[in-house]
């Protein structure tokens, strides 16, 4: 039986870094250069083009997850 391959397979950076970059971009509506700067302050050197490519490749999955977690209008559980 074959083991499933991670969707981050063959990328230079770890999955946590890629995931966090894409999450920052979509969650806080930052620009690609802003995300690049945040990671530069943390000692991770990457370009805004890299962030852009990751957002194109992995962004839809993250955006769907954020949309699923957000409360819906008129949801009675949102006020508890």
PDB file of N, CA and C in Angstrom:
ATOM      1  N   UNK A   1       0.843  -1.180   0.000  1.00  0.00           N
ATOM      2  CA  UNK A   1       0.000   0.000   0.000  1.00  0.00           C
ATOM      3  C   UNK A   1       0.887   1.242   0.000  1.00  0.00           C
ATOM      4  N   UNK A   2       0.565   2.199  -0.823  1.00  0.00           N
ATOM      5  CA  UNK A   2       1.345   3.421  -0.919  1.00  0.00           C
ATOM      6  C   UNK A   2       0.927   4.414   0.147  1.00  0.00           C
ATOM      7  N   UNK A   3       1.906   5.112   0.674  1.00  0.00           N
ATOM      8  CA  UNK A   3       1.593   6.149   1.652  1.00  0.00           C
ATOM      9  C   UNK A   3       1.272   7.436   0.916  1.00  0.00           C
ATOM     10  N   UNK A   4       0.323   8.216   1.404  1.00  0.00           N
ATOM     11  CA  UNK A   4      -0.018   9.466   0.720  1.00  0.00           C
ATOM     12  C   UNK A   4       1.133  10.470   0.816  1.00  0.00           C
ATOM     13  N   UNK A   5       1.359  11.164  -0.272  1.00  0.00           N
ATOM     14  CA  UNK A   5       2.420  12.159  -0.328  1.00  0.00           C
ATOM     15  C   UNK A   5       1.861  13.497   0.142  1.00  0.00           C
ATOM     16  N   UNK A   6       2.621  14.168   0.976  1.00  0.00           N
ATOM     17  CA  UNK A   6       2.209  15.480   1.468  1.00  0.00           C
ATOM     18  C   UNK A   6       2.113  16.462   0.307  1.00  0.00           C
ATOM     19  N   UNK A   7       1.179  17.388   0.396  1.00  0.00           N
ATOM     20  CA  UNK A   7       1.069  18.378  -0.682  1.00  0.00           C
ATOM     21  C   UNK A   7       2.215  19.373  -0.641  1.00  0.00           C
ATOM     22  N   UNK A   8       2.997  19.370   0.434  1.00  0.00           N
ATOM     23  CA  UNK A   8       4.167  20.238   0.542  1.00  0.00           C
ATOM     24  C   UNK A   8       5.445  19.515   0.135  1.00  0.00           C
ATOM     25  N   UNK A   9       5.318  18.307  -0.380  1.00  0.00           N
ATOM     26  CA  UNK A   9       6.466  17.503  -0.784  1.00  0.00           C
ATOM     27  C   UNK A   9       7.284  18.249  -1.841  1.00  0.00           C
ATOM     28  N   UNK A  10       8.601  18.173  -1.709  1.00  0.00           N
ATOM     29  CA  UNK A  10       9.570  18.770  -2.641  1.00  0.00           C
ATOM     30  C   UNK A  10       9.609  20.294  -2.585  1.00  0.00           C
ATOM     31  N   UNK A  11       9.238  20.859  -1.467  1.00  0.00           N
ATOM     32  CA  UNK A  11       9.402  22.303  -1.277  1.00  0.00           C
ATOM     33  C   UNK A  11      10.587  22.529  -0.355  1.00  0.00           C
ATOM     34  N   UNK A  12      11.254  23.649  -0.548  1.00  0.00           N
ATOM     35  CA  UNK A  12      12.464  23.948   0.217  1.00  0.00           C
ATOM     36  C   UNK A  12      12.173  24.153   1.696  1.00  0.00           C
ATOM     37  N   UNK A  13      11.074  24.810   1.996  1.00  0.00           N
ATOM     38  CA  UNK A  13      10.722  25.131   3.378  1.00  0.00           C
ATOM     39  C   UNK A  13       9.789  24.078   3.957  1.00  0.00           C
ATOM     40  N   UNK A  14       9.800  23.989   5.280  1.00  0.00           N
ATOM     41  CA  UNK A  14       8.932  23.038   5.966  1.00  0.00           C
ATOM     42  C   UNK A  14       7.461  23.418   5.766  1.00  0.00           C
ATOM     43  N   UNK A  15       6.610  22.445   5.949  1.00  0.00           N
ATOM     44  CA  UNK A  15       5.171  22.649   5.755  1.00  0.00           C
ATOM     45  C   UNK A  15       4.620  23.707   6.712  1.00  0.00           C
ATOM     46  N   UNK A  16       5.165  23.784   7.933  1.00  0.00           N
ATOM     47  CA  UNK A  16       4.677  24.765   8.910  1.00  0.00           C
ATOM     48  C   UNK A  16       4.924  26.195   8.441  1.00  0.00           C
ATOM     49  N   UNK A  17       6.066  26.426   7.823  1.00  0.00           N
ATOM     50  CA  UNK A  17       6.391  27.775   7.340  1.00  0.00           C
ATOM     51  C   UNK A  17       5.488  28.146   6.173  1.00  0.00           C
ATOM     52  N   UNK A  18       5.325  27.239   5.230  1.00  0.00           N
ATOM     53  CA  UNK A  18       4.465  27.510   4.075  1.00  0.00           C
ATOM     54  C   UNK A  18       3.040  27.765   4.537  1.00  0.00           C
ATOM     55  N   UNK A  19       2.555  26.919   5.404  1.00  0.00           N
ATOM     56  CA  UNK A  19       1.194  27.041   5.904  1.00  0.00           C
ATOM     57  C   UNK A  19       0.994  28.360   6.642  1.00  0.00           C
ATOM     58  N   UNK A  20       1.980  28.750   7.449  1.00  0.00           N
ATOM     59  CA  UNK A  20       1.864  29.995   8.210  1.00  0.00           C
ATOM     60  C   UNK A  20       1.883  31.209   7.287  1.00  0.00           C
ATOM     61  N   UNK A  21       2.701  31.183   6.258  1.00  0.00           N
ATOM     62  CA  UNK A  21       2.739  32.294   5.288  1.00  0.00           C
ATOM     63  C   UNK A  21       1.388  32.467   4.609  1.00  0.00           C
ATOM     64  N   UNK A  22       0.843  31.375   4.132  1.00  0.00           N
ATOM     65  CA  UNK A  22      -0.441  31.435   3.438  1.00  0.00           C
ATOM     66  C   UNK A  22      -1.540  31.869   4.400  1.00  0.00           C
ATOM     67  N   UNK A  23      -1.501  31.361   5.634  1.00  0.00           N
ATOM     68  CA  UNK A  23      -2.489  31.750   6.643  1.00  0.00           C
ATOM     69  C   UNK A  23      -2.417  33.249   6.935  1.00  0.00           C
ATOM     70  N   UNK A  24      -1.207  33.782   7.104  1.00  0.00           N
ATOM     71  CA  UNK A  24      -1.059  35.218   7.366  1.00  0.00           C
ATOM     72  C   UNK A  24      -1.632  36.048   6.226  1.00  0.00           C
ATOM     73  N   UNK A  25      -1.339  35.638   5.008  1.00  0.00           N
ATOM     74  CA  UNK A  25      -1.802  36.388   3.839  1.00  0.00           C
ATOM     75  C   UNK A  25      -3.328  36.438   3.783  1.00  0.00           C
ATOM     76  N   UNK A  26      -3.976  35.303   3.978  1.00  0.00           N
ATOM     77  CA  UNK A  26      -5.428  35.268   3.849  1.00  0.00           C
ATOM     78  C   UNK A  26      -6.146  35.745   5.101  1.00  0.00           C
ATOM     79  N   UNK A  27      -5.617  35.469   6.280  1.00  0.00           N
ATOM     80  CA  UNK A  27      -6.322  35.823   7.517  1.00  0.00           C
ATOM     81  C   UNK A  27      -6.290  37.312   7.799  1.00  0.00           C
ATOM     82  N   UNK A  28      -5.156  37.957   7.557  1.00  0.00           N
ATOM     83  CA  UNK A  28      -5.008  39.362   7.906  1.00  0.00           C
ATOM     84  C   UNK A  28      -4.936  40.282   6.703  1.00  0.00           C
ATOM     85  N   UNK A  29      -5.172  39.766   5.513  1.00  0.00           N
ATOM     86  CA  UNK A  29      -5.171  40.557   4.277  1.00  0.00           C
ATOM     87  C   UNK A  29      -3.876  41.360   4.130  1.00  0.00           C
ATOM     88  N   UNK A  30      -2.759  40.708   4.396  1.00  0.00           N
ATOM     89  CA  UNK A  30      -1.463  41.342   4.220  1.00  0.00           C
ATOM     90  C   UNK A  30      -1.032  41.222   2.769  1.00  0.00           C
ATOM     91  N   UNK A  31      -0.109  42.079   2.362  1.00  0.00           N
ATOM     92  CA  UNK A  31       0.458  41.944   1.023  1.00  0.00           C
ATOM     93  C   UNK A  31       1.546  40.876   1.057  1.00  0.00           C
ATOM     94  N   UNK A  32       1.962  40.437  -0.120  1.00  0.00           N
ATOM     95  CA  UNK A  32       3.035  39.448  -0.199  1.00  0.00           C
ATOM     96  C   UNK A  32       4.312  39.997   0.431  1.00  0.00           C
ATOM     97  N   UNK A  33       4.571  41.261   0.208  1.00  0.00           N
ATOM     98  CA  UNK A  33       5.778  41.885   0.766  1.00  0.00           C
ATOM     99  C   UNK A  33       5.685  42.019   2.288  1.00  0.00           C
ATOM    100  N   UNK A  34       4.482  42.226   2.809  1.00  0.00           N
ATOM    101  CA  UNK A  34       4.310  42.268   4.264  1.00  0.00           C
ATOM    102  C   UNK A  34       4.630  40.915   4.894  1.00  0.00           C
ATOM    103  N   UNK A  35       4.147  39.854   4.273  1.00  0.00           N
ATOM    104  CA  UNK A  35       4.430  38.508   4.777  1.00  0.00           C
ATOM    105  C   UNK A  35       5.924  38.226   4.690  1.00  0.00           C
ATOM    106  N   UNK A  36       6.542  38.640   3.590  1.00  0.00           N
ATOM    107  CA  UNK A  36       7.998  38.486   3.440  1.00  0.00           C
ATOM    108  C   UNK A  36       8.729  39.206   4.569  1.00  0.00           C
ATOM    109  N   UNK A  37       8.290  40.405   4.897  1.00  0.00           N
ATOM    110  CA  UNK A  37       8.922  41.196   5.956  1.00  0.00           C
ATOM    111  C   UNK A  37       8.730  40.567   7.335  1.00  0.00           C
ATOM    112  N   UNK A  38       7.552  40.022   7.601  1.00  0.00           N
ATOM    113  CA  UNK A  38       7.295  39.356   8.887  1.00  0.00           C
ATOM    114  C   UNK A  38       8.274  38.199   9.075  1.00  0.00           C
ATOM    115  N   UNK A  39       8.460  37.416   8.030  1.00  0.00           N
ATOM    116  CA  UNK A  39       9.369  36.282   8.138  1.00  0.00           C
ATOM    117  C   UNK A  39      10.828  36.711   8.146  1.00  0.00           C
ATOM    118  N   UNK A  40      11.147  37.826   7.512  1.00  0.00           N
ATOM    119  CA  UNK A  40      12.520  38.336   7.570  1.00  0.00           C
ATOM    120  C   UNK A  40      12.869  38.743   8.995  1.00  0.00           C
ATOM    121  N   UNK A  41      11.902  39.315   9.710  1.00  0.00           N
ATOM    122  CA  UNK A  41      12.144  39.676  11.103  1.00  0.00           C
ATOM    123  C   UNK A  41      12.359  38.444  11.975  1.00  0.00           C
ATOM    124  N   UNK A  42      11.831  37.303  11.541  1.00  0.00           N
ATOM    125  CA  UNK A  42      12.004  36.048  12.282  1.00  0.00           C
ATOM    126  C   UNK A  42      13.207  35.247  11.807  1.00  0.00           C
ATOM    127  N   UNK A  43      13.950  35.806  10.840  1.00  0.00           N
ATOM    128  CA  UNK A  43      15.166  35.149  10.377  1.00  0.00           C
ATOM    129  C   UNK A  43      14.970  34.174   9.235  1.00  0.00           C
ATOM    130  N   UNK A  44      13.805  34.186   8.598  1.00  0.00           N
ATOM    131  CA  UNK A  44      13.544  33.305   7.456  1.00  0.00           C
ATOM    132  C   UNK A  44      13.618  34.148   6.190  1.00  0.00           C
ATOM    133  N   UNK A  45      14.548  33.811   5.324  1.00  0.00           N
ATOM    134  CA  UNK A  45      14.754  34.573   4.096  1.00  0.00           C
ATOM    135  C   UNK A  45      13.968  33.945   2.950  1.00  0.00           C
ATOM    136  N   UNK A  46      12.966  34.654   2.476  1.00  0.00           N
ATOM    137  CA  UNK A  46      12.202  34.231   1.309  1.00  0.00           C
ATOM    138  C   UNK A  46      11.737  35.470   0.567  1.00  0.00           C
ATOM    139  N   UNK A  47      11.350  35.311  -0.676  1.00  0.00           N
ATOM    140  CA  UNK A  47      10.932  36.457  -1.475  1.00  0.00           C
ATOM    141  C   UNK A  47       9.412  36.554  -1.517  1.00  0.00           C
ATOM    142  N   UNK A  48       8.940  37.717  -1.901  1.00  0.00           N
ATOM    143  CA  UNK A  48       7.498  37.894  -2.010  1.00  0.00           C
ATOM    144  C   UNK A  48       6.940  37.042  -3.146  1.00  0.00           C
ATOM    145  N   UNK A  49       7.759  36.752  -4.145  1.00  0.00           N
ATOM    146  CA  UNK A  49       7.335  35.882  -5.235  1.00  0.00           C
ATOM    147  C   UNK A  49       7.075  34.462  -4.733  1.00  0.00           C
ATOM    148  N   UNK A  50       7.887  34.023  -3.790  1.00  0.00           N
ATOM    149  CA  UNK A  50       7.686  32.702  -3.191  1.00  0.00           C
ATOM    150  C   UNK A  50       6.353  32.662  -2.454  1.00  0.00           C
ATOM    151  N   UNK A  51       6.073  33.704  -1.697  1.00  0.00           N
ATOM    152  CA  UNK A  51       4.796  33.787  -0.973  1.00  0.00           C
ATOM    153  C   UNK A  51       3.636  33.794  -1.964  1.00  0.00           C
ATOM    154  N   UNK A  52       3.796  34.523  -3.064  1.00  0.00           N
ATOM    155  CA  UNK A  52       2.747  34.592  -4.088  1.00  0.00           C
ATOM    156  C   UNK A  52       2.473  33.211  -4.690  1.00  0.00           C
ATOM    157  N   UNK A  53       3.542  32.483  -5.017  1.00  0.00           N
ATOM    158  CA  UNK A  53       3.388  31.140  -5.583  1.00  0.00           C
ATOM    159  C   UNK A  53       2.701  30.197  -4.592  1.00  0.00           C
ATOM    160  N   UNK A  54       3.081  30.285  -3.315  1.00  0.00           N
ATOM    161  CA  UNK A  54       2.451  29.436  -2.302  1.00  0.00           C
ATOM    162  C   UNK A  54       0.976  29.761  -2.162  1.00  0.00           C
ATOM    163  N   UNK A  55       0.651  31.043  -2.201  1.00  0.00           N
ATOM    164  CA  UNK A  55      -0.756  31.438  -2.061  1.00  0.00           C
ATOM    165  C   UNK A  55      -1.580  30.959  -3.252  1.00  0.00           C
ATOM    166  N   UNK A  56      -0.984  30.970  -4.436  1.00  0.00           N
ATOM    167  CA  UNK A  56      -1.694  30.451  -5.600  1.00  0.00           C
ATOM    168  C   UNK A  56      -1.877  28.936  -5.508  1.00  0.00           C
ATOM    169  N   UNK A  57      -0.849  28.252  -5.034  1.00  0.00           N
ATOM    170  CA  UNK A  57      -0.884  26.794  -5.004  1.00  0.00           C
ATOM    171  C   UNK A  57      -1.694  26.244  -3.831  1.00  0.00           C
ATOM    172  N   UNK A  58      -1.509  26.811  -2.638  1.00  0.00           N
ATOM    173  CA  UNK A  58      -2.125  26.266  -1.430  1.00  0.00           C
ATOM    174  C   UNK A  58      -3.235  27.137  -0.864  1.00  0.00           C
ATOM    175  N   UNK A  59      -3.461  28.285  -1.444  1.00  0.00           N
ATOM    176  CA  UNK A  59      -4.369  29.273  -0.864  1.00  0.00           C
ATOM    177  C   UNK A  59      -5.815  28.868  -0.783  1.00  0.00           C
ATOM    178  N   UNK A  60      -6.307  28.181  -1.798  1.00  0.00           N
ATOM    179  CA  UNK A  60      -7.717  27.831  -1.797  1.00  0.00           C
ATOM    180  C   UNK A  60      -8.070  26.916  -0.631  1.00  0.00           C
ATOM    181  N   UNK A  61      -7.187  26.005  -0.309  1.00  0.00           N
ATOM    182  CA  UNK A  61      -7.419  25.097   0.819  1.00  0.00           C
ATOM    183  C   UNK A  61      -7.500  25.882   2.130  1.00  0.00           C
ATOM    184  N   UNK A  62      -6.591  26.836   2.318  1.00  0.00           N
ATOM    185  CA  UNK A  62      -6.595  27.638   3.544  1.00  0.00           C
ATOM    186  C   UNK A  62      -7.805  28.567   3.595  1.00  0.00           C
ATOM    187  N   UNK A  63      -8.148  29.158   2.459  1.00  0.00           N
ATOM    188  CA  UNK A  63      -9.300  30.055   2.424  1.00  0.00           C
ATOM    189  C   UNK A  63     -10.585  29.299   2.752  1.00  0.00           C
ATOM    190  N   UNK A  64     -10.717  28.085   2.235  1.00  0.00           N
ATOM    191  CA  UNK A  64     -11.902  27.277   2.547  1.00  0.00           C
ATOM    192  C   UNK A  64     -11.972  26.955   4.033  1.00  0.00           C
ATOM    193  N   UNK A  65     -10.823  26.651   4.637  1.00  0.00           N
ATOM    194  CA  UNK A  65     -10.787  26.358   6.067  1.00  0.00           C
ATOM    195  C   UNK A  65     -11.175  27.561   6.908  1.00  0.00           C
ATOM    196  N   UNK A  66     -10.696  28.738   6.526  1.00  0.00           N
ATOM    197  CA  UNK A  66     -11.051  29.953   7.266  1.00  0.00           C
ATOM    198  C   UNK A  66     -12.533  30.264   7.109  1.00  0.00           C
ATOM    199  N   UNK A  67     -13.060  30.068   5.915  1.00  0.00           N
ATOM    200  CA  UNK A  67     -14.471  30.346   5.662  1.00  0.00           C
ATOM    201  C   UNK A  67     -15.351  29.390   6.469  1.00  0.00           C
ATOM    202  N   UNK A  68     -14.924  28.142   6.574  1.00  0.00           N
ATOM    203  CA  UNK A  68     -15.684  27.139   7.307  1.00  0.00           C
ATOM    204  C   UNK A  68     -15.730  27.455   8.793  1.00  0.00           C
ATOM    205  N   UNK A  69     -14.663  28.041   9.338  1.00  0.00           N
ATOM    206  CA  UNK A  69     -14.579  28.311  10.775  1.00  0.00           C
ATOM    207  C   UNK A  69     -15.267  29.607  11.184  1.00  0.00           C
ATOM    208  N   UNK A  70     -15.500  30.509  10.239  1.00  0.00           N
ATOM    209  CA  UNK A  70     -16.092  31.797  10.595  1.00  0.00           C
ATOM    210  C   UNK A  70     -17.584  31.643  10.861  1.00  0.00           C
ATOM    211  N   UNK A  71     -18.111  32.411  11.818  1.00  0.00           N
ATOM    212  CA  UNK A  71     -19.544  32.300  12.129  1.00  0.00           C
ATOM    213  C   UNK A  71     -20.396  32.860  10.987  1.00  0.00           C
ATOM    214  N   UNK A  72     -21.511  32.271  10.770  1.00  0.00           N
ATOM    215  CA  UNK A  72     -22.447  32.696   9.719  1.00  0.00           C
ATOM    216  C   UNK A  72     -23.371  33.772  10.282  1.00  0.00           C
ATOM    217  N   UNK A  73     -23.857  34.664   9.425  1.00  0.00           N
ATOM    218  CA  UNK A  73     -24.824  35.660   9.886  1.00  0.00           C
ATOM    219  C   UNK A  73     -26.083  34.993  10.425  1.00  0.00           C
ATOM    220  N   UNK A  74     -26.527  35.422  11.583  1.00  0.00           N
ATOM    221  CA  UNK A  74     -27.720  34.869  12.180  1.00  0.00           C
ATOM    222  C   UNK A  74     -27.506  33.564  12.926  1.00  0.00           C
ATOM    223  N   UNK A  75     -26.264  33.159  13.059  1.00  0.00           N
ATOM    224  CA  UNK A  75     -25.951  31.932  13.775  1.00  0.00           C
ATOM    225  C   UNK A  75     -26.089  32.169  15.264  1.00  0.00           C
ATOM    226  N   UNK A  76     -26.978  31.449  15.950  1.00  0.00           N
ATOM    227  CA  UNK A  76     -27.178  31.683  17.390  1.00  0.00           C
ATOM    228  C   UNK A  76     -25.964  31.302  18.233  1.00  0.00           C
ATOM    229  N   UNK A  77     -25.094  30.424  17.723  1.00  0.00           N
ATOM    230  CA  UNK A  77     -23.900  30.018  18.454  1.00  0.00           C
ATOM    231  C   UNK A  77     -22.829  31.114  18.447  1.00  0.00           C
ATOM    232  N   UNK A  78     -22.941  32.089  17.559  1.00  0.00           N
ATOM    233  CA  UNK A  78     -21.934  33.147  17.463  1.00  0.00           C
ATOM    234  C   UNK A  78     -21.998  34.083  18.663  1.00  0.00           C
ATOM    235  N   UNK A  79     -23.126  34.129  19.359  1.00  0.00           N
ATOM    236  CA  UNK A  79     -23.285  35.062  20.466  1.00  0.00           C
ATOM    237  C   UNK A  79     -23.025  34.443  21.817  1.00  0.00           C
ATOM    238  N   UNK A  80     -22.693  33.187  21.866  1.00  0.00           N
ATOM    239  CA  UNK A  80     -22.459  32.510  23.140  1.00  0.00           C
ATOM    240  C   UNK A  80     -21.037  32.608  23.564  1.00  0.00           C
TER     241      UNK A  80
END
